[in-house]
Amino acid sequence: MKRSGPLLTLLAGLLLALFMLSLNATTGTRTTSTGSDAPAEVLTASPVPSGKATGTAAPGEASPSPAPSRSAVADADYAGRTDDDSSAVAVTLRDGKAIAYFCDGRDQESWLKGDVGTDGRMRLTNQQGQVLDGRLSGKRISGTVDMGRRTYGFTADKAVKPSGLYRATATVRGAEVDGGWIVLPGGRQVGILKRDGTAGPAPRIDPETGAVTVDGKRLTAEPVTP
């Protein structure tokens, strides 16, 4: 009977150890419990497909921006005089491009062309190095024409047909004929006609039809567009 004491003590120790192991295993499975037997809800983020808008740009990518819109200058014709009243200037605008004609009605002329900016500014040139710098503001173009030996200031107001810029080219009696005309508001005309490169005053055209007679031959001067 004296030997049963240690055995009982050993048995009690084993039972206590088993109880503690069982308790640790049970509490270990519930360390992430939210206070109920249901497992805690885990939230995961869904991946965003490449190229989809998320409100911010992806690393290394610039935020997309809308393409700037070009506000085209309205198509129109302009005609006027130089500041010293010695010559005339006409400008025709079409689809953001311009062609201009400077003419003194005697022997000096210049055809120029170029683009028109969205702000109405233009710099028109030719192969001879002559330059027209102008700006459209409201219903008027103002600026300068650099003819090389001299620069002329000018103002050209919006023209209503038949005012505007006209040109006719043809072969008349074996000569190459090239004429340019500016019909100013009020009907006044300024033009130069070249025969094989020799310049002189141009005959009047019919502003309604463009008809003109050159050395006995009837020609038609057409409105000029870029």
Protein backbone atom coordinates (compact mmCIF):
# COMPACT_ATOMS: atom_id res chain seq x y z
CA MET A 1 0.00 0.00 0.00
CA LYS A 2 2.95 2.36 0.58
CA ARG A 3 4.04 2.05 -3.08
CA SER A 4 0.70 3.33 -4.43
CA GLY A 5 1.44 6.91 -3.36
CA PRO A 6 4.19 7.66 -5.93
CA LEU A 7 2.22 5.99 -8.69
CA LEU A 8 -0.80 8.13 -7.98
CA THR A 9 1.37 11.23 -7.98
CA LEU A 10 2.92 10.26 -11.34
CA LEU A 11 -0.48 9.52 -12.82
CA ALA A 12 -1.86 12.85 -11.64
CA GLY A 13 1.12 14.63 -13.23
CA LEU A 14 0.53 12.91 -16.58
CA LEU A 15 -3.15 13.83 -16.54
CA LEU A 16 -2.31 17.46 -15.78
CA ALA A 17 0.21 17.55 -18.63
CA LEU A 18 -2.32 16.10 -21.08
CA PHE A 19 -4.90 18.65 -19.96
CA MET A 20 -2.48 21.53 -20.50
CA LEU A 21 -1.51 20.30 -23.97
CA SER A 22 -5.17 19.98 -24.89
CA LEU A 23 -5.87 23.50 -23.61
CA ASN A 24 -2.95 25.03 -25.56
CA ALA A 25 -4.07 23.36 -28.79
CA THR A 26 -7.62 24.63 -28.35
CA THR A 27 -6.62 28.22 -27.56
CA GLY A 28 -4.09 28.22 -30.44
CA THR A 29 -6.81 27.72 -33.04
CA ARG A 30 -8.81 30.64 -31.70
CA THR A 31 -6.13 33.31 -31.44
CA THR A 32 -7.55 34.92 -34.64
CA SER A 33 -11.17 34.59 -33.53
CA THR A 34 -13.38 37.69 -33.68
CA GLY A 35 -15.31 36.70 -30.64
CA SER A 36 -17.48 34.04 -32.30
CA ASP A 37 -16.93 30.62 -33.77
CA ALA A 38 -17.14 32.02 -37.33
CA PRO A 39 -13.78 32.67 -38.96
CA ALA A 40 -12.72 36.32 -39.29
CA GLU A 41 -13.54 37.95 -42.65
CA VAL A 42 -10.48 38.69 -44.76
CA LEU A 43 -10.68 41.55 -47.31
CA THR A 44 -8.53 41.35 -50.43
CA ALA A 45 -8.04 44.01 -53.13
CA SER A 46 -8.96 43.03 -56.67
CA PRO A 47 -6.21 43.77 -59.22
CA VAL A 48 -6.88 46.63 -61.65
CA PRO A 49 -6.36 45.67 -65.30
CA SER A 50 -3.58 47.53 -67.01
CA GLY A 51 -4.78 50.58 -68.94
CA LYS A 52 -7.98 51.05 -66.84
CA ALA A 53 -8.61 54.41 -65.25
CA THR A 54 -8.11 54.39 -61.48
CA GLY A 55 -8.05 58.12 -60.77
CA THR A 56 -4.26 58.20 -60.52
CA ALA A 57 -1.53 57.50 -63.02
CA ALA A 58 0.46 54.27 -62.78
CA PRO A 59 4.06 54.63 -61.59
CA GLY A 60 6.23 56.00 -64.36
CA GLU A 61 3.26 57.11 -66.47
CA ALA A 62 2.04 60.63 -67.05
CA SER A 63 -1.60 61.41 -66.43
CA PRO A 64 -3.47 61.54 -69.73
CA SER A 65 -4.56 65.00 -70.80
CA PRO A 66 -7.01 65.99 -73.52
CA ALA A 67 -5.49 67.06 -76.83
CA PRO A 68 -5.54 70.84 -77.29
CA SER A 69 -8.19 71.99 -79.73
CA ARG A 70 -7.25 74.24 -82.56
CA SER A 71 -9.55 77.16 -83.03
CA ALA A 72 -9.31 77.88 -86.76
CA VAL A 73 -9.35 81.45 -88.01
CA ALA A 74 -12.46 82.03 -90.10
CA ASP A 75 -12.13 82.11 -93.88
CA ALA A 76 -12.35 85.67 -95.19
CA ASP A 77 -10.85 88.27 -97.54
CA TYR A 78 -9.18 91.53 -96.50
CA ALA A 79 -8.14 94.56 -98.54
CA GLY A 80 -6.65 97.94 -97.68
CA ARG A 81 -3.94 100.53 -98.18
CA THR A 82 -0.46 101.12 -96.85
CA ASP A 83 -0.07 103.78 -94.19
CA ASP A 84 1.48 106.21 -96.71
CA ASP A 85 -1.34 105.50 -99.21
CA SER A 86 1.19 104.60 -101.90
CA SER A 87 0.21 100.95 -102.32
CA ALA A 88 -2.48 98.38 -101.63
CA VAL A 89 -2.45 95.09 -99.71
CA ALA A 90 -4.90 92.20 -99.92
CA VAL A 91 -4.94 89.02 -97.80
CA THR A 92 -7.06 85.90 -98.30
CA LEU A 93 -7.50 83.39 -95.45
CA ARG A 94 -8.59 79.79 -96.05
CA ASP A 95 -8.31 76.82 -93.66
CA GLY A 96 -5.62 78.42 -91.49
CA LYS A 97 -3.48 79.47 -94.46
CA ALA A 98 -3.03 82.86 -96.07
CA ILE A 99 -1.94 84.37 -99.36
CA ALA A 100 -1.25 88.10 -99.72
CA TYR A 101 -0.54 90.55 -102.52
CA PHE A 102 1.29 93.86 -102.22
CA CYS A 103 0.99 96.18 -105.21
CA ASP A 104 1.73 99.85 -105.96
CA GLY A 105 -0.16 99.81 -109.29
CA ARG A 106 2.95 100.75 -111.31
CA ASP A 107 5.88 98.37 -111.20
CA GLN A 108 6.26 96.97 -107.68
CA GLU A 109 4.40 93.89 -106.45
CA SER A 110 4.86 90.90 -104.17
CA TRP A 111 3.00 87.61 -103.66
CA LEU A 112 3.43 86.07 -100.19
CA LYS A 113 2.02 83.06 -98.38
CA GLY A 114 2.15 81.18 -95.08
CA ASP A 115 0.18 79.91 -92.08
CA VAL A 116 -2.11 81.79 -89.70
CA GLY A 117 -1.81 81.12 -85.99
CA THR A 118 -4.76 80.51 -83.70
CA ASP A 119 -4.17 83.99 -82.27
CA GLY A 120 -4.49 85.54 -85.73
CA ARG A 121 -0.77 86.17 -86.19
CA MET A 122 0.80 85.49 -89.57
CA ARG A 123 4.24 85.70 -91.16
CA LEU A 124 3.98 85.37 -94.92
CA THR A 125 7.07 85.06 -97.11
CA ASN A 126 8.27 84.42 -100.66
CA GLN A 127 11.45 83.25 -102.37
CA GLN A 128 12.65 86.82 -102.85
CA GLY A 129 12.98 87.26 -99.07
CA GLN A 130 10.07 89.69 -98.77
CA VAL A 131 7.98 89.35 -95.62
CA LEU A 132 4.51 90.32 -94.45
CA ASP A 133 4.05 90.32 -90.67
CA GLY A 134 0.45 90.84 -89.62
CA ARG A 135 -2.21 90.06 -87.09
CA LEU A 136 -5.94 89.61 -87.46
CA SER A 137 -7.92 91.44 -84.79
CA GLY A 138 -11.67 91.59 -85.16
CA LYS A 139 -12.42 92.48 -88.78
CA ARG A 140 -9.03 93.96 -89.60
CA ILE A 141 -5.49 92.82 -90.39
CA SER A 142 -2.71 95.24 -89.57
CA GLY A 143 1.04 94.87 -89.89
CA THR A 144 4.02 95.55 -92.14
CA VAL A 145 5.34 94.45 -95.53
CA ASP A 146 9.12 94.33 -95.83
CA MET A 147 9.99 94.71 -99.53
CA GLY A 148 13.73 94.65 -98.90
CA ARG A 149 14.58 98.25 -99.67
CA ARG A 150 11.62 99.60 -97.72
CA THR A 151 9.05 98.50 -95.14
CA TYR A 152 5.41 99.58 -95.39
CA GLY A 153 2.84 99.62 -92.60
CA PHE A 154 -0.66 98.66 -93.69
CA THR A 155 -4.24 98.09 -92.58
CA ALA A 156 -6.65 95.79 -94.44
CA ASP A 157 -10.32 95.60 -93.52
CA LYS A 158 -12.60 92.64 -94.09
CA ALA A 159 -13.77 92.76 -97.69
CA VAL A 160 -17.19 91.96 -99.10
CA LYS A 161 -17.40 90.67 -102.66
CA PRO A 162 -16.59 91.94 -105.20
CA SER A 163 -13.81 93.50 -103.11
CA GLY A 164 -10.81 91.20 -102.71
CA LEU A 165 -7.86 89.68 -104.54
CA TYR A 166 -7.88 88.49 -108.18
CA ARG A 167 -5.36 87.01 -110.60
CA ALA A 168 -5.22 85.99 -114.27
CA THR A 169 -2.50 84.15 -116.17
CA ALA A 170 -2.46 83.31 -119.89
CA THR A 171 -0.46 83.42 -123.08
CA VAL A 172 -1.43 86.38 -125.24
CA ARG A 173 0.21 86.89 -128.68
CA GLY A 174 3.12 84.71 -127.66
CA ALA A 175 3.76 86.53 -124.37
CA GLU A 176 3.28 85.08 -120.88
CA VAL A 177 0.79 87.35 -119.13
CA ASP A 178 0.39 87.45 -115.33
CA GLY A 179 -1.93 90.00 -113.74
CA GLY A 180 -2.83 90.71 -110.12
CA TRP A 181 -5.64 92.98 -108.92
CA ILE A 182 -6.80 94.30 -105.56
CA VAL A 183 -10.37 95.56 -105.56
CA LEU A 184 -10.74 97.85 -102.56
CA PRO A 185 -13.97 98.60 -100.67
CA GLY A 186 -15.68 101.30 -102.68
CA GLY A 187 -14.60 99.84 -106.03
CA ARG A 188 -11.13 101.32 -106.46
CA GLN A 189 -8.70 98.93 -108.20
CA VAL A 190 -4.92 98.61 -107.91
CA GLY A 191 -3.12 96.11 -110.14
CA ILE A 192 -0.03 95.16 -112.09
CA LEU A 193 0.14 93.21 -115.36
CA LYS A 194 3.39 91.52 -116.39
CA ARG A 195 4.16 90.59 -119.97
CA ASP A 196 7.11 88.17 -120.07
CA GLY A 197 8.21 89.55 -116.69
CA THR A 198 7.95 93.25 -117.55
CA ALA A 199 5.58 95.01 -115.11
CA GLY A 200 3.12 97.79 -115.84
CA PRO A 201 -0.27 99.07 -114.66
CA ALA A 202 -3.05 96.51 -115.12
CA PRO A 203 -6.26 97.29 -117.05
CA ARG A 204 -9.47 97.34 -115.07
CA ILE A 205 -11.41 94.15 -114.53
CA ASP A 206 -15.17 93.80 -114.26
CA PRO A 207 -15.42 93.11 -110.49
CA GLU A 208 -18.68 91.22 -110.92
CA THR A 209 -17.40 88.74 -113.52
CA GLY A 210 -13.61 89.15 -113.46
CA ALA A 211 -13.59 89.84 -117.20
CA VAL A 212 -10.61 91.81 -118.54
CA THR A 213 -9.23 92.48 -122.03
CA VAL A 214 -5.47 92.21 -122.52
CA ASP A 215 -4.01 93.07 -125.91
CA GLY A 216 -7.33 92.35 -127.59
CA LYS A 217 -7.83 88.99 -125.84
CA ARG A 218 -10.57 88.53 -123.27
CA LEU A 219 -9.41 86.91 -120.02
CA THR A 220 -11.06 86.15 -116.68
CA ALA A 221 -9.44 87.17 -113.41
CA GLU A 222 -10.31 84.64 -110.71
CA PRO A 223 -10.50 85.16 -106.93
CA VAL A 224 -7.24 84.02 -105.32
CA THR A 225 -7.20 81.37 -102.57
CA PRO A 226 -4.23 79.77 -100.79
